[in-house]
Amino acid sequence: MPSMQGTSHLAFTVSDPRTSIEWYEKVFGGARVPMTDEPGHLVIGLLTLDGCFIGLHGHGATPKGDQFSEFRVGLDHVAFRCADRAAVEEWAKHLDEVGVEHSGLKDVPYGTVLTFRDPDNIQLEFYSVPPGA
């Protein structure tokens, strides 16, 4: 099997990259990276403090008012792995501080999860595996 070196980047289609970048900066921190600004296609990137690159794509063809739904074919959610449950707890505190609604920590058989959504309803999650896994 060929090997990989992890995930290169995430690319989300959003209704308004200029609005979404404000939210993603508030949640993840980091530096903005202007990428594409052409008629019908605007892309703004964010390089987070821990090196994750998130691209926010605005396509002119996206219907106004459209929102993400995990019930359509495609992406269900994106989970960011944390070192342990304590790290997920820190993310919950941070989300509270910046005013982002979330699920609260949930302990499930495969670890601890904290779910929240971006302005376009894209489901995101902080996650840690159980000790010893």
C-alpha atoms as a PDB file:
ATOM      1  CA  MET A   1       0.000   0.000   0.000  1.00  0.00           C
ATOM      2  CA  PRO A   2       1.442   3.443  -0.865  1.00  0.00           C
ATOM      3  CA  SER A   3       1.916   5.770   2.098  1.00  0.00           C
ATOM      4  CA  MET A   4       0.580   9.253   2.839  1.00  0.00           C
ATOM      5  CA  GLN A   5       1.876  11.992   5.102  1.00  0.00           C
ATOM      6  CA  GLY A   6      -1.474  13.036   6.545  1.00  0.00           C
ATOM      7  CA  THR A   7      -4.052  15.474   5.254  1.00  0.00           C
ATOM      8  CA  SER A   8      -2.830  18.330   3.058  1.00  0.00           C
ATOM      9  CA  HIS A   9      -5.794  20.675   3.428  1.00  0.00           C
ATOM     10  CA  LEU A  10      -9.549  21.002   3.757  1.00  0.00           C
ATOM     11  CA  ALA A  11     -11.600  22.865   1.151  1.00  0.00           C
ATOM     12  CA  PHE A  12     -15.163  23.927   1.946  1.00  0.00           C
ATOM     13  CA  THR A  13     -17.695  25.536  -0.374  1.00  0.00           C
ATOM     14  CA  VAL A  14     -19.267  28.370   1.611  1.00  0.00           C
ATOM     15  CA  SER A  15     -21.921  30.950   0.820  1.00  0.00           C
ATOM     16  CA  ASP A  16     -19.614  33.922   1.506  1.00  0.00           C
ATOM     17  CA  PRO A  17     -15.867  33.396   2.025  1.00  0.00           C
ATOM     18  CA  ARG A  18     -15.477  36.931   3.410  1.00  0.00           C
ATOM     19  CA  THR A  19     -17.970  36.186   6.192  1.00  0.00           C
ATOM     20  CA  SER A  20     -16.773  32.629   6.790  1.00  0.00           C
ATOM     21  CA  ILE A  21     -13.102  33.602   7.136  1.00  0.00           C
ATOM     22  CA  GLU A  22     -13.999  35.808  10.118  1.00  0.00           C
ATOM     23  CA  TRP A  23     -15.637  32.829  11.842  1.00  0.00           C
ATOM     24  CA  TYR A  24     -12.819  30.388  11.038  1.00  0.00           C
ATOM     25  CA  GLU A  25     -10.199  32.882  12.291  1.00  0.00           C
ATOM     26  CA  LYS A  26     -12.156  33.325  15.523  1.00  0.00           C
ATOM     27  CA  VAL A  27     -12.411  29.570  16.074  1.00  0.00           C
ATOM     28  CA  PHE A  28      -9.012  28.334  14.868  1.00  0.00           C
ATOM     29  CA  GLY A  29      -6.701  31.366  14.844  1.00  0.00           C
ATOM     30  CA  GLY A  30      -3.959  31.582  12.238  1.00  0.00           C
ATOM     31  CA  ALA A  31      -3.108  33.622   9.170  1.00  0.00           C
ATOM     32  CA  ARG A  32      -5.246  34.493   6.151  1.00  0.00           C
ATOM     33  CA  VAL A  33      -3.953  33.447   2.761  1.00  0.00           C
ATOM     34  CA  PRO A  34      -5.620  35.219  -0.215  1.00  0.00           C
ATOM     35  CA  MET A  35      -5.840  32.735  -3.064  1.00  0.00           C
ATOM     36  CA  THR A  36      -8.293  33.443  -5.885  1.00  0.00           C
ATOM     37  CA  ASP A  37     -10.535  36.420  -6.552  1.00  0.00           C
ATOM     38  CA  GLU A  38     -12.077  35.998  -9.972  1.00  0.00           C
ATOM     39  CA  PRO A  39     -15.634  36.644 -11.148  1.00  0.00           C
ATOM     40  CA  GLY A  40     -17.737  33.758  -9.841  1.00  0.00           C
ATOM     41  CA  HIS A  41     -14.945  32.220  -7.750  1.00  0.00           C
ATOM     42  CA  LEU A  42     -13.457  33.619  -4.547  1.00  0.00           C
ATOM     43  CA  VAL A  43     -11.125  31.533  -2.386  1.00  0.00           C
ATOM     44  CA  ILE A  44      -9.666  32.638   0.938  1.00  0.00           C
ATOM     45  CA  GLY A  45      -7.388  30.313   2.877  1.00  0.00           C
ATOM     46  CA  LEU A  46      -6.526  30.054   6.549  1.00  0.00           C
ATOM     47  CA  LEU A  47      -3.338  28.479   7.845  1.00  0.00           C
ATOM     48  CA  THR A  48      -4.218  27.603  11.443  1.00  0.00           C
ATOM     49  CA  LEU A  49      -1.792  27.952  14.326  1.00  0.00           C
ATOM     50  CA  ASP A  50      -1.151  24.196  14.326  1.00  0.00           C
ATOM     51  CA  GLY A  51      -0.546  23.970  10.573  1.00  0.00           C
ATOM     52  CA  CYS A  52      -3.924  22.882   9.209  1.00  0.00           C
ATOM     53  CA  PHE A  53      -4.801  24.645   5.935  1.00  0.00           C
ATOM     54  CA  ILE A  54      -8.494  25.413   5.368  1.00  0.00           C
ATOM     55  CA  GLY A  55      -9.663  26.798   2.021  1.00  0.00           C
ATOM     56  CA  LEU A  56     -13.021  28.592   1.849  1.00  0.00           C
ATOM     57  CA  HIS A  57     -14.454  28.561  -1.664  1.00  0.00           C
ATOM     58  CA  GLY A  58     -17.233  30.808  -2.910  1.00  0.00           C
ATOM     59  CA  HIS A  59     -18.752  29.732  -6.218  1.00  0.00           C
ATOM     60  CA  GLY A  60     -21.047  32.093  -8.077  1.00  0.00           C
ATOM     61  CA  ALA A  61     -23.253  29.131  -9.033  1.00  0.00           C
ATOM     62  CA  THR A  62     -24.117  28.278  -5.413  1.00  0.00           C
ATOM     63  CA  PRO A  63     -27.828  29.026  -4.866  1.00  0.00           C
ATOM     64  CA  LYS A  64     -28.453  31.923  -2.471  1.00  0.00           C
ATOM     65  CA  GLY A  65     -29.412  30.659   0.985  1.00  0.00           C
ATOM     66  CA  ASP A  66     -28.055  27.153   0.327  1.00  0.00           C
ATOM     67  CA  GLN A  67     -26.706  25.386   3.424  1.00  0.00           C
ATOM     68  CA  PHE A  68     -24.679  22.265   4.020  1.00  0.00           C
ATOM     69  CA  SER A  69     -26.529  19.067   4.914  1.00  0.00           C
ATOM     70  CA  GLU A  70     -24.917  15.819   5.956  1.00  0.00           C
ATOM     71  CA  PHE A  71     -28.021  14.082   4.618  1.00  0.00           C
ATOM     72  CA  ARG A  72     -26.983  14.644   0.990  1.00  0.00           C
ATOM     73  CA  VAL A  73     -24.377  12.489  -0.728  1.00  0.00           C
ATOM     74  CA  GLY A  74     -20.877  13.758   0.046  1.00  0.00           C
ATOM     75  CA  LEU A  75     -19.308  14.958   3.248  1.00  0.00           C
ATOM     76  CA  ASP A  76     -20.874  14.136   6.618  1.00  0.00           C
ATOM     77  CA  HIS A  77     -18.462  16.028   8.894  1.00  0.00           C
ATOM     78  CA  VAL A  78     -14.795  16.780   9.539  1.00  0.00           C
ATOM     79  CA  ALA A  79     -13.166  15.768  12.834  1.00  0.00           C
ATOM     80  CA  PHE A  80      -9.973  17.310  14.224  1.00  0.00           C
ATOM     81  CA  ARG A  81      -8.055  14.861  16.422  1.00  0.00           C
ATOM     82  CA  CYS A  82      -6.950  16.114  19.832  1.00  0.00           C
ATOM     83  CA  ALA A  83      -4.335  14.594  22.152  1.00  0.00           C
ATOM     84  CA  ASP A  84      -6.789  13.596  24.880  1.00  0.00           C
ATOM     85  CA  ARG A  85     -10.105  14.381  26.567  1.00  0.00           C
ATOM     86  CA  ALA A  86      -8.560  17.348  28.397  1.00  0.00           C
ATOM     87  CA  ALA A  87      -7.662  18.923  25.047  1.00  0.00           C
ATOM     88  CA  VAL A  88     -11.256  18.489  23.845  1.00  0.00           C
ATOM     89  CA  GLU A  89     -12.392  20.176  27.093  1.00  0.00           C
ATOM     90  CA  GLU A  90     -10.084  23.115  26.283  1.00  0.00           C
ATOM     91  CA  TRP A  91     -11.696  23.424  22.856  1.00  0.00           C
ATOM     92  CA  ALA A  92     -15.146  23.475  24.493  1.00  0.00           C
ATOM     93  CA  LYS A  93     -14.015  26.353  26.724  1.00  0.00           C
ATOM     94  CA  HIS A  94     -12.567  28.187  23.722  1.00  0.00           C
ATOM     95  CA  LEU A  95     -15.786  27.777  21.717  1.00  0.00           C
ATOM     96  CA  ASP A  96     -17.733  29.146  24.695  1.00  0.00           C
ATOM     97  CA  GLU A  97     -15.364  32.136  24.894  1.00  0.00           C
ATOM     98  CA  VAL A  98     -15.798  33.002  21.209  1.00  0.00           C
ATOM     99  CA  GLY A  99     -19.571  32.435  21.248  1.00  0.00           C
ATOM    100  CA  VAL A 100     -19.801  29.288  19.129  1.00  0.00           C
ATOM    101  CA  GLU A 101     -22.615  26.893  20.038  1.00  0.00           C
ATOM    102  CA  HIS A 102     -21.597  23.266  20.459  1.00  0.00           C
ATOM    103  CA  SER A 103     -22.865  19.872  21.606  1.00  0.00           C
ATOM    104  CA  GLY A 104     -20.898  19.713  24.823  1.00  0.00           C
ATOM    105  CA  LEU A 105     -18.499  16.834  25.367  1.00  0.00           C
ATOM    106  CA  LYS A 106     -19.896  13.405  24.619  1.00  0.00           C
ATOM    107  CA  ASP A 107     -18.111  10.236  25.661  1.00  0.00           C
ATOM    108  CA  VAL A 108     -18.758   7.492  23.131  1.00  0.00           C
ATOM    109  CA  PRO A 109     -17.189   4.022  22.724  1.00  0.00           C
ATOM    110  CA  TYR A 110     -14.573   5.359  20.278  1.00  0.00           C
ATOM    111  CA  GLY A 111     -13.562   8.444  22.305  1.00  0.00           C
ATOM    112  CA  THR A 112     -14.707  11.921  23.273  1.00  0.00           C
ATOM    113  CA  VAL A 113     -16.390  14.215  20.742  1.00  0.00           C
ATOM    114  CA  LEU A 114     -17.380  17.877  20.658  1.00  0.00           C
ATOM    115  CA  THR A 115     -19.549  18.859  17.688  1.00  0.00           C
ATOM    116  CA  PHE A 116     -20.227  22.352  16.310  1.00  0.00           C
ATOM    117  CA  ARG A 117     -21.198  23.977  13.003  1.00  0.00           C
ATOM    118  CA  ASP A 118     -19.858  26.795  10.873  1.00  0.00           C
ATOM    119  CA  PRO A 119     -22.063  29.618   9.481  1.00  0.00           C
ATOM    120  CA  ASP A 120     -23.051  27.413   6.504  1.00  0.00           C
ATOM    121  CA  ASN A 121     -24.033  24.526   8.794  1.00  0.00           C
ATOM    122  CA  ILE A 122     -20.908  22.466   7.979  1.00  0.00           C
ATOM    123  CA  GLN A 123     -20.506  20.044  10.866  1.00  0.00           C
ATOM    124  CA  LEU A 124     -17.092  20.090  12.545  1.00  0.00           C
ATOM    125  CA  GLU A 125     -15.856  18.085  15.493  1.00  0.00           C
ATOM    126  CA  PHE A 126     -12.999  17.914  17.970  1.00  0.00           C
ATOM    127  CA  TYR A 127     -12.266  14.328  18.924  1.00  0.00           C
ATOM    128  CA  SER A 128      -9.919  12.252  21.062  1.00  0.00           C
ATOM    129  CA  VAL A 129      -9.517   8.493  21.277  1.00  0.00           C
ATOM    130  CA  PRO A 130     -10.038   6.791  24.641  1.00  0.00           C
ATOM    131  CA  PRO A 131      -6.954   6.209  26.811  1.00  0.00           C
ATOM    132  CA  GLY A 132      -5.090   3.088  25.773  1.00  0.00           C
ATOM    133  CA  ALA A 133      -6.611   2.945  22.297  1.00  0.00           C
END
